[in-house]
């Protein structure tokens, strides 16, 4: 009987992988035309610590933690060992009306780390699903407490909250929304906290007060939730003003609106605390999380609700009619438990707080380069905003941004061994979020790549 040969990854040549990628792999958020036209996709084959290696043997500093995920670093065999041990014990059972030890233990551990009464952990598979769950819960909470007209949610402009239709209705990036409209109804938007581009005389809490104005405009009896990231990702690590979240908390309480802290990126040490809301001292009603919960060794997310929000669903025959098959997967839960062991044993949150000033100072040393307009962020989540004119803060037009970011910076930074994010959802920025184990050596490597590349970019723009 004839057999068909199937190549294993170790048998597949670099050229063959590129060809197979062109034929079959549809990458996310990727301009596939460049690949179809003969361009090469970077193929990563190995990871260890803060570094990744491609199929050509080149080493790259992972300055983005593989999209804000691998917080405890690559190659932690103890996490893999925990996953393998879990498979030997129990490979899978759903948490639809059942439970298993790892999900119970992980939910308990998460609840022990959250602020206040955020004690109810609802597992998901991703950040988008966590946000989707939170928006549905907010609507349903008001419905079961007799306020069913409260169905709208308020988010910020340029903010990214996910790609499912509900989460996309909260996302405030027009180009991500327009091609999928009409979206799930209810999402409305207010200004973000990008004070770099505010008039000098603007009140520091102006952006917070815009939330109340929008609630009043929409009608408080129609607004279910406000969803905000502690440090806004899209637009380039946009921080809140002092007192911003305290004012927002007051506004939400005044109008019976739930406050959702979207911490898909900002939790698990990224800002030097287990949760970003702890960094800025506010108490949300719901937290959404994912990514680094397992340090991305296995997909997992969660929605964490307060006792108050959970209570109406705990009585009689009530239930929250939402879920997904693989949420709370035993293998992912085992990975998360092992990951949190690493956090505790190595005090990764403390390391971030201790090293943040050094990391920030390294990036601020680039201010002498003409196109470096602003450096901002918190913890190991920092951004450099690029400008055409530093005095006027004039930004680049679409054509200039395309030429600068995709025509030069993105490829050149990777070529020189630095993986980071070059983005223009909002004004052009370079984002850096290395694994939480990064130290002086990695900061120096980041600087050694950024400086010559940004200096060359400045020269090209002047010519």
Protein backbone atom coordinates (compact mmCIF):
# COMPACT_ATOMS: atom_id res chain seq x y z
CA UNK A 1 0.00 0.00 0.00
CA UNK A 2 1.44 3.37 -1.01
CA UNK A 3 2.11 5.93 1.69
CA UNK A 4 2.40 9.71 1.53
CA UNK A 5 5.46 11.30 3.09
CA UNK A 6 4.76 14.14 5.50
CA UNK A 7 7.65 16.41 6.43
CA UNK A 8 8.24 17.03 10.11
CA UNK A 9 9.41 20.50 11.23
CA UNK A 10 12.99 19.27 11.63
CA UNK A 11 12.98 17.90 8.08
CA UNK A 12 11.53 21.02 6.46
CA UNK A 13 14.07 23.37 4.93
CA UNK A 14 13.93 27.12 5.40
CA UNK A 15 12.92 27.56 1.76
CA UNK A 16 10.20 24.95 2.06
CA UNK A 17 8.78 26.62 5.19
CA UNK A 18 8.55 29.95 3.38
CA UNK A 19 6.73 28.29 0.49
CA UNK A 20 4.35 26.45 2.82
CA UNK A 21 3.63 29.71 4.64
CA UNK A 22 2.70 31.34 1.33
CA UNK A 23 0.37 28.45 0.50
CA UNK A 24 -1.38 27.86 3.79
CA UNK A 25 -0.66 30.19 6.72
CA UNK A 26 -2.98 33.17 7.08
CA UNK A 27 -1.23 35.32 9.67
CA UNK A 28 -3.16 37.69 11.92
CA UNK A 29 -3.12 41.46 11.36
CA UNK A 30 -0.65 40.90 8.50
CA UNK A 31 -0.47 42.35 5.01
CA UNK A 32 -0.39 39.04 3.19
CA UNK A 33 0.24 40.72 -0.17
CA UNK A 34 3.89 41.25 0.72
CA UNK A 35 4.31 37.54 1.35
CA UNK A 36 2.46 36.62 -1.83
CA UNK A 37 4.77 38.97 -3.75
CA UNK A 38 7.81 37.01 -2.60
CA UNK A 39 8.59 38.60 0.74
CA UNK A 40 9.82 36.48 3.63
CA UNK A 41 8.04 35.95 6.90
CA UNK A 42 10.26 35.88 10.00
CA UNK A 43 10.15 32.31 11.29
CA UNK A 44 10.99 31.94 14.99
CA UNK A 45 12.18 28.50 16.04
CA UNK A 46 13.52 28.78 19.60
CA UNK A 47 13.25 30.89 22.75
CA UNK A 48 15.24 31.22 25.95
CA UNK A 49 15.04 33.91 28.62
CA UNK A 50 14.68 37.30 26.91
CA UNK A 51 15.72 36.00 23.48
CA UNK A 52 14.30 34.37 20.37
CA UNK A 53 16.14 32.69 17.50
CA UNK A 54 14.94 32.60 13.89
CA UNK A 55 15.32 29.79 11.38
CA UNK A 56 18.55 31.32 10.08
CA UNK A 57 20.20 31.16 13.49
CA UNK A 58 19.92 34.90 14.25
CA UNK A 59 19.28 35.90 17.86
CA UNK A 60 16.72 38.61 18.62
CA UNK A 61 15.99 40.36 21.90
CA UNK A 62 12.26 39.92 22.50
CA UNK A 63 11.50 43.50 23.44
CA UNK A 64 7.76 42.88 23.24
CA UNK A 65 7.43 39.68 25.31
CA UNK A 66 5.81 38.07 22.25
CA UNK A 67 2.96 40.63 22.26
CA UNK A 68 2.99 41.46 25.99
CA UNK A 69 2.63 37.78 26.94
CA UNK A 70 5.80 35.96 27.99
CA UNK A 71 6.34 37.88 31.23
CA UNK A 72 8.36 35.23 33.04
CA UNK A 73 10.60 34.66 30.02
CA UNK A 74 11.00 32.00 27.36
CA UNK A 75 12.02 28.40 27.94
CA UNK A 76 10.78 27.84 31.49
CA UNK A 77 10.86 24.06 31.52
CA UNK A 78 9.17 23.93 34.92
CA UNK A 79 6.02 25.35 33.33
CA UNK A 80 6.17 22.72 30.60
CA UNK A 81 6.75 20.02 33.21
CA UNK A 82 3.63 21.15 35.10
CA UNK A 83 1.61 20.97 31.88
CA UNK A 84 2.90 17.48 31.08
CA UNK A 85 2.14 16.27 34.60
CA UNK A 86 -1.39 17.62 34.26
CA UNK A 87 -1.93 15.68 31.02
CA UNK A 88 -0.89 12.49 32.78
CA UNK A 89 -3.39 13.21 35.58
CA UNK A 90 -6.31 14.74 33.67
CA UNK A 91 -6.10 15.99 30.11
CA UNK A 92 -9.45 17.78 29.92
CA UNK A 93 -12.84 18.26 31.43
CA UNK A 94 -15.05 21.26 30.83
CA UNK A 95 -16.10 23.58 33.66
CA UNK A 96 -19.68 23.62 32.42
CA UNK A 97 -21.33 22.28 35.60
CA UNK A 98 -18.17 20.36 36.49
CA UNK A 99 -14.89 21.41 38.09
CA UNK A 100 -11.37 20.09 38.40
CA UNK A 101 -8.65 20.74 41.02
CA UNK A 102 -6.44 23.07 38.95
CA UNK A 103 -9.28 25.44 38.04
CA UNK A 104 -10.37 25.62 41.68
CA UNK A 105 -6.83 26.16 42.92
CA UNK A 106 -6.07 28.79 40.28
CA UNK A 107 -9.30 30.71 40.88
CA UNK A 108 -8.51 30.75 44.59
CA UNK A 109 -4.96 31.95 43.97
CA UNK A 110 -6.07 34.71 41.62
CA UNK A 111 -8.68 35.89 44.13
CA UNK A 112 -5.98 36.08 46.80
CA UNK A 113 -4.03 38.55 44.61
CA UNK A 114 -6.84 40.85 43.48
CA UNK A 115 -7.74 44.03 45.36
CA UNK A 116 -10.91 44.37 47.42
CA UNK A 117 -13.76 41.91 46.92
CA UNK A 118 -12.84 40.77 43.39
CA UNK A 119 -13.26 37.13 44.35
CA UNK A 120 -15.19 35.49 41.51
CA UNK A 121 -13.05 34.16 38.65
CA UNK A 122 -14.74 33.31 35.32
CA UNK A 123 -12.21 31.69 32.99
CA UNK A 124 -11.96 32.39 29.25
CA UNK A 125 -9.55 31.46 26.44
CA UNK A 126 -8.30 34.92 25.47
CA UNK A 127 -8.38 38.63 26.21
CA UNK A 128 -11.09 39.35 23.64
CA UNK A 129 -13.24 36.67 25.26
CA UNK A 130 -12.60 38.12 28.70
CA UNK A 131 -13.76 41.55 27.51
CA UNK A 132 -16.75 40.02 25.73
CA UNK A 133 -17.67 38.24 28.96
CA UNK A 134 -17.33 41.44 31.00
CA UNK A 135 -19.54 43.47 28.65
CA UNK A 136 -22.20 40.74 28.68
CA UNK A 137 -22.01 40.45 32.46
CA UNK A 138 -22.41 44.21 32.89
CA UNK A 139 -25.55 44.21 30.76
CA UNK A 140 -26.95 41.14 32.45
CA UNK A 141 -26.17 42.40 35.96
CA UNK A 142 -28.26 45.51 35.40
CA UNK A 143 -31.02 43.49 33.76
CA UNK A 144 -31.37 41.05 36.67
CA UNK A 145 -31.29 43.94 39.16
CA UNK A 146 -34.22 45.64 37.42
CA UNK A 147 -32.39 48.11 35.18
CA UNK A 148 -32.54 46.38 31.81
CA UNK A 149 -32.20 49.60 29.79
CA UNK A 150 -28.57 49.97 30.94
CA UNK A 151 -26.93 48.36 27.90
CA UNK A 152 -24.31 50.86 26.64
CA UNK A 153 -20.63 50.89 27.50
CA UNK A 154 -18.17 53.77 27.39
CA UNK A 155 -14.58 53.33 26.25
CA UNK A 156 -11.79 55.65 25.12
CA UNK A 157 -10.76 56.73 21.65
CA UNK A 158 -7.84 54.79 20.13
CA UNK A 159 -8.14 52.16 22.90
CA UNK A 160 -7.96 48.50 21.86
CA UNK A 161 -10.18 46.03 23.70
CA UNK A 162 -10.31 43.04 21.36
CA UNK A 163 -11.55 41.70 18.05
CA UNK A 164 -14.83 39.86 18.72
CA UNK A 165 -17.86 41.93 17.71
CA UNK A 166 -18.72 42.91 21.28
CA UNK A 167 -15.13 43.73 22.25
CA UNK A 168 -14.69 45.55 18.94
CA UNK A 169 -17.63 47.80 19.82
CA UNK A 170 -15.52 48.97 22.79
CA UNK A 171 -12.35 49.29 20.71
CA UNK A 172 -11.87 52.92 19.69
CA UNK A 173 -9.70 52.49 16.58
CA UNK A 174 -11.75 53.45 13.49
CA UNK A 175 -9.76 51.40 10.94
CA UNK A 176 -10.26 48.22 12.98
CA UNK A 177 -14.00 48.84 13.31
CA UNK A 178 -15.12 50.15 9.92
CA UNK A 179 -14.63 47.00 7.84
CA UNK A 180 -16.78 44.92 10.23
CA UNK A 181 -19.68 47.32 10.81
CA UNK A 182 -22.41 47.17 11.89
CA UNK A 183 -20.98 46.10 15.23
CA UNK A 184 -22.77 44.94 18.33
CA UNK A 185 -24.63 48.06 19.49
CA UNK A 186 -23.89 50.01 22.63
CA UNK A 187 -20.26 51.14 22.38
CA UNK A 188 -19.61 54.88 22.70
CA UNK A 189 -16.30 56.69 23.14
CA UNK A 190 -14.68 59.55 25.01
CA UNK A 191 -11.23 61.22 24.79
CA UNK A 192 -8.24 59.35 26.17
CA UNK A 193 -5.60 60.69 28.57
CA UNK A 194 -2.90 61.63 26.03
CA UNK A 195 -1.93 64.90 27.72
CA UNK A 196 1.19 65.18 25.51
CA UNK A 197 -1.13 66.69 22.93
CA UNK A 198 -3.40 68.64 25.26
CA UNK A 199 -3.42 72.46 25.53
CA UNK A 200 -1.22 73.52 28.44
CA UNK A 201 -4.09 75.09 30.35
CA UNK A 202 -6.37 72.05 30.25
CA UNK A 203 -7.58 70.75 33.61
CA UNK A 204 -5.69 67.53 34.52
CA UNK A 205 -8.96 65.67 35.15
CA UNK A 206 -10.60 66.87 31.95
CA UNK A 207 -10.58 63.39 30.39
CA UNK A 208 -12.19 61.86 33.47
CA UNK A 209 -14.93 64.50 33.45
CA UNK A 210 -15.60 63.73 29.77
CA UNK A 211 -16.80 60.31 30.91
CA UNK A 212 -19.46 61.86 33.12
CA UNK A 213 -20.51 64.22 30.33
CA UNK A 214 -20.97 61.24 28.03
CA UNK A 215 -22.95 59.28 30.62
CA UNK A 216 -25.28 62.25 31.05
CA UNK A 217 -25.57 62.74 27.28
CA UNK A 218 -26.43 59.08 26.69
CA UNK A 219 -28.69 58.98 29.76
CA UNK A 220 -27.45 57.35 32.97
CA UNK A 221 -30.31 54.85 32.80
CA UNK A 222 -28.84 53.46 29.54
CA UNK A 223 -25.14 53.09 30.50
CA UNK A 224 -24.01 49.77 31.97
CA UNK A 225 -20.22 50.09 32.18
CA UNK A 226 -17.08 52.10 31.60
CA UNK A 227 -14.16 50.02 30.31
CA UNK A 228 -10.62 51.38 30.62
CA UNK A 229 -7.08 50.04 30.55
CA UNK A 230 -4.90 51.17 33.49
CA UNK A 231 -2.25 52.23 30.94
CA UNK A 232 -3.72 52.57 27.45
CA UNK A 233 -1.89 50.37 24.95
CA UNK A 234 -2.95 51.67 21.53
CA UNK A 235 -1.66 55.18 20.97
CA UNK A 236 1.53 54.25 22.80
CA UNK A 237 1.41 53.47 26.54
CA UNK A 238 -0.78 56.44 27.44
CA UNK A 239 -0.76 56.96 31.24
CA UNK A 240 -3.59 58.39 33.35
CA UNK A 241 -3.33 61.72 35.10
CA UNK A 242 -2.95 61.76 38.88
CA UNK A 243 -6.42 61.23 40.35
CA UNK A 244 -7.97 60.18 37.04
CA UNK A 245 -9.18 56.78 38.14
CA UNK A 246 -10.36 58.04 41.51
CA UNK A 247 -12.56 60.57 39.69
CA UNK A 248 -13.82 57.89 37.31
CA UNK A 249 -14.69 55.65 40.27
CA UNK A 250 -16.73 58.49 41.80
CA UNK A 251 -18.52 59.08 38.49
CA UNK A 252 -19.38 55.41 38.08
CA UNK A 253 -20.71 55.18 41.63
CA UNK A 254 -22.78 58.33 41.18
CA UNK A 255 -24.53 56.95 38.08
CA UNK A 256 -24.69 53.22 39.01
CA UNK A 257 -22.25 52.26 36.24
CA UNK A 258 -19.80 49.34 36.55
CA UNK A 259 -16.08 50.04 36.14
CA UNK A 260 -14.24 47.41 34.08
CA UNK A 261 -10.45 47.46 34.29
CA UNK A 262 -9.19 45.87 31.07
CA UNK A 263 -5.88 44.36 32.16
CA UNK A 264 -5.20 41.89 29.38
CA UNK A 265 -1.78 43.57 29.10
CA UNK A 266 -1.41 45.48 32.37
CA UNK A 267 -1.82 42.57 34.80
CA UNK A 268 0.74 39.99 35.94
CA UNK A 269 3.61 42.33 36.71
CA UNK A 270 3.75 44.39 33.53
CA UNK A 271 3.38 47.60 35.59
CA UNK A 272 5.17 46.22 38.67
CA UNK A 273 2.04 44.87 40.38
CA UNK A 274 -0.09 41.80 39.89
CA UNK A 275 -2.83 44.09 38.59
CA UNK A 276 -2.56 47.50 36.97
CA UNK A 277 -5.38 48.93 39.08
CA UNK A 278 -3.10 48.41 42.09
CA UNK A 279 -0.48 50.61 40.44
CA UNK A 280 -2.94 53.48 40.16
CA UNK A 281 -4.89 52.85 43.35
CA UNK A 282 -8.46 52.25 42.17
CA UNK A 283 -11.03 49.54 42.80
CA UNK A 284 -12.84 48.21 39.71
CA UNK A 285 -15.98 46.09 39.69
CA UNK A 286 -14.56 43.73 37.04
CA UNK A 287 -11.05 42.95 35.83
CA UNK A 288 -10.33 41.33 32.46
CA UNK A 289 -7.03 39.50 32.04
CA UNK A 290 -5.26 37.00 29.76
CA UNK A 291 -1.85 36.87 28.00
CA UNK A 292 0.69 36.63 30.85
CA UNK A 293 -1.58 34.70 33.21
CA UNK A 294 0.27 31.64 31.89
CA UNK A 295 3.15 33.69 30.43
CA UNK A 296 1.55 32.47 27.17
CA UNK A 297 2.77 28.91 27.62
CA UNK A 298 -0.87 27.97 27.01
CA UNK A 299 -3.87 30.14 26.06
CA UNK A 300 -5.93 31.38 29.00
CA UNK A 301 -7.87 34.42 30.12
CA UNK A 302 -10.28 35.37 32.88
CA UNK A 303 -12.95 37.83 33.93
CA UNK A 304 -12.74 38.57 37.65
CA UNK A 305 -15.90 40.00 39.21
CA UNK A 306 -16.66 41.51 42.58
CA UNK A 307 -18.89 39.78 45.09
CA UNK A 308 -21.54 42.46 44.49
CA UNK A 309 -21.66 41.86 40.74
CA UNK A 310 -21.71 38.09 41.20
CA UNK A 311 -24.42 38.03 43.87
CA UNK A 312 -27.55 38.23 41.65
CA UNK A 313 -26.36 35.14 39.75
CA UNK A 314 -25.92 33.10 42.93
CA UNK A 315 -29.54 32.98 44.00
CA UNK A 316 -32.22 30.40 43.25
CA UNK A 317 -32.28 29.21 39.64
CA UNK A 318 -30.31 32.17 38.25
CA UNK A 319 -27.20 31.66 36.13
CA UNK A 320 -24.92 33.68 33.86
CA UNK A 321 -25.74 32.04 30.52
CA UNK A 322 -22.31 32.40 28.96
CA UNK A 323 -19.19 30.29 28.56
CA UNK A 324 -16.88 28.40 26.21
CA UNK A 325 -15.82 24.78 25.94
CA UNK A 326 -12.13 25.12 26.77
CA UNK A 327 -12.26 27.86 29.41
CA UNK A 328 -10.42 26.86 32.57
CA UNK A 329 -8.61 24.09 30.69
CA UNK A 330 -6.69 21.87 33.16
CA UNK A 331 -3.41 22.12 31.22
CA UNK A 332 -3.63 25.92 30.99
CA UNK A 333 -4.54 26.15 34.67
CA UNK A 334 -1.50 24.03 35.54
CA UNK A 335 0.67 26.34 33.41
CA UNK A 336 -0.74 29.39 35.20
CA UNK A 337 -0.07 27.89 38.63
CA UNK A 338 3.55 27.11 37.68
CA UNK A 339 3.91 30.59 36.19
CA UNK A 340 2.72 32.24 39.40
CA UNK A 341 5.18 30.08 41.32
CA UNK A 342 7.93 31.72 39.25
CA UNK A 343 6.50 35.17 40.01
CA UNK A 344 6.56 34.52 43.74
CA UNK A 345 9.91 32.75 43.87
CA UNK A 346 11.74 35.42 41.83
CA UNK A 347 9.66 38.44 42.93
CA UNK A 348 9.15 39.57 39.36
CA UNK A 349 6.85 42.42 40.38
CA UNK A 350 9.50 43.74 42.75
CA UNK A 351 12.14 43.40 40.04
CA UNK A 352 10.06 45.52 37.64
CA UNK A 353 9.59 48.28 40.23
CA UNK A 354 13.31 48.24 41.09
CA UNK A 355 14.45 48.34 37.45
CA UNK A 356 11.79 50.62 35.97
CA UNK A 357 13.79 53.85 36.58
CA UNK A 358 16.83 52.40 34.81
CA UNK A 359 14.78 51.21 31.84
CA UNK A 360 13.00 54.55 31.56
CA UNK A 361 16.26 56.51 31.83
CA UNK A 362 17.75 54.46 29.00
CA UNK A 363 14.86 55.41 26.72
CA UNK A 364 14.84 59.04 27.82
CA UNK A 365 18.51 59.28 26.82
CA UNK A 366 17.20 59.25 23.23
CA UNK A 367 15.55 62.68 23.61
CA UNK A 368 18.47 64.31 21.78
CA UNK A 369 17.36 62.62 18.54
CA UNK A 370 15.16 65.08 16.58
CA UNK A 371 12.25 62.69 15.94
CA UNK A 372 11.93 61.51 19.56
CA UNK A 373 9.03 63.58 20.90
CA UNK A 374 7.83 61.81 24.02
CA UNK A 375 8.79 58.87 26.22
CA UNK A 376 5.98 57.54 28.40
CA UNK A 377 4.66 54.46 30.14
CA UNK A 378 5.04 52.57 33.40
CA UNK A 379 6.87 49.48 34.59
CA UNK A 380 8.17 47.38 31.72
CA UNK A 381 5.63 48.90 29.31
CA UNK A 382 7.10 51.98 27.65
CA UNK A 383 6.66 53.87 24.38
CA UNK A 384 8.54 56.43 22.32
CA UNK A 385 6.36 58.79 20.28
CA UNK A 386 7.96 59.94 17.03
CA UNK A 387 7.33 63.45 15.71
CA UNK A 388 8.23 65.48 12.66
CA UNK A 389 8.86 68.62 14.72
CA UNK A 390 9.70 68.40 18.41
CA UNK A 391 8.83 72.04 19.19
CA UNK A 392 5.38 72.02 17.61
CA UNK A 393 4.75 68.27 18.22
CA UNK A 394 3.73 68.01 14.57
CA UNK A 395 3.14 64.40 13.63
CA UNK A 396 3.62 62.60 10.32
CA UNK A 397 0.96 62.34 7.66
CA UNK A 398 -0.17 58.88 6.54
CA UNK A 399 2.31 58.65 3.68
CA UNK A 400 5.23 59.76 5.86
CA UNK A 401 4.22 57.38 8.64
CA UNK A 402 4.01 54.48 6.19
CA UNK A 403 7.47 55.26 4.85
CA UNK A 404 8.98 55.73 8.31
CA UNK A 405 7.40 52.81 10.15
CA UNK A 406 6.91 50.06 7.60
CA UNK A 407 9.37 51.27 5.01
CA UNK A 408 12.31 51.48 7.39
CA UNK A 409 11.95 51.16 11.17
CA UNK A 410 10.12 47.85 11.47
CA UNK A 411 12.46 45.90 9.21
CA UNK A 412 15.65 47.59 10.36
CA UNK A 413 15.00 47.05 14.07
CA UNK A 414 14.35 43.35 13.44
CA UNK A 415 17.39 43.08 11.20
CA UNK A 416 19.54 44.47 14.01
CA UNK A 417 18.15 41.97 16.50
CA UNK A 418 15.35 43.81 18.34
CA UNK A 419 11.72 42.73 18.30
CA UNK A 420 9.44 45.58 19.38
CA UNK A 421 6.25 47.19 18.18
CA UNK A 422 6.25 49.96 15.59
CA UNK A 423 2.70 51.26 15.45
CA UNK A 424 0.62 54.18 14.19
CA UNK A 425 -2.82 53.51 15.64
CA UNK A 426 -2.86 57.11 16.75
CA UNK A 427 0.46 58.89 16.36
CA UNK A 428 3.58 56.87 15.39
CA UNK A 429 5.21 55.10 18.34
CA UNK A 430 7.74 52.43 19.18
CA UNK A 431 6.56 50.24 22.06
CA UNK A 432 8.82 48.21 24.32
CA UNK A 433 7.67 45.55 26.79
CA UNK A 434 10.49 43.09 27.49
CA UNK A 435 10.06 40.01 29.69
CA UNK A 436 9.98 40.91 33.37
CA UNK A 437 13.33 39.20 33.89
CA UNK A 438 15.06 41.81 31.69
CA UNK A 439 17.90 43.71 33.35
CA UNK A 440 20.71 46.18 32.63
CA UNK A 441 22.22 44.02 29.88
CA UNK A 442 18.96 43.95 27.94
CA UNK A 443 18.31 47.68 28.44
CA UNK A 444 21.75 48.41 26.99
CA UNK A 445 21.06 46.12 24.02
CA UNK A 446 17.74 47.87 23.36
CA UNK A 447 19.48 51.24 23.41
CA UNK A 448 22.34 50.02 21.20
CA UNK A 449 19.79 49.17 18.49
CA UNK A 450 17.36 52.06 18.92
CA UNK A 451 19.89 54.90 18.84
CA UNK A 452 21.53 54.29 15.46
CA UNK A 453 18.25 53.31 13.83
CA UNK A 454 16.40 56.42 15.07
CA UNK A 455 19.34 58.66 14.17
CA UNK A 456 19.33 57.23 10.64
CA UNK A 457 15.55 57.68 10.45
CA UNK A 458 15.94 61.34 11.40
CA UNK A 459 18.53 61.86 8.68
CA UNK A 460 16.33 60.22 6.06
CA UNK A 461 13.40 62.43 6.95
CA UNK A 462 15.50 65.57 6.63
CA UNK A 463 16.80 64.57 3.19
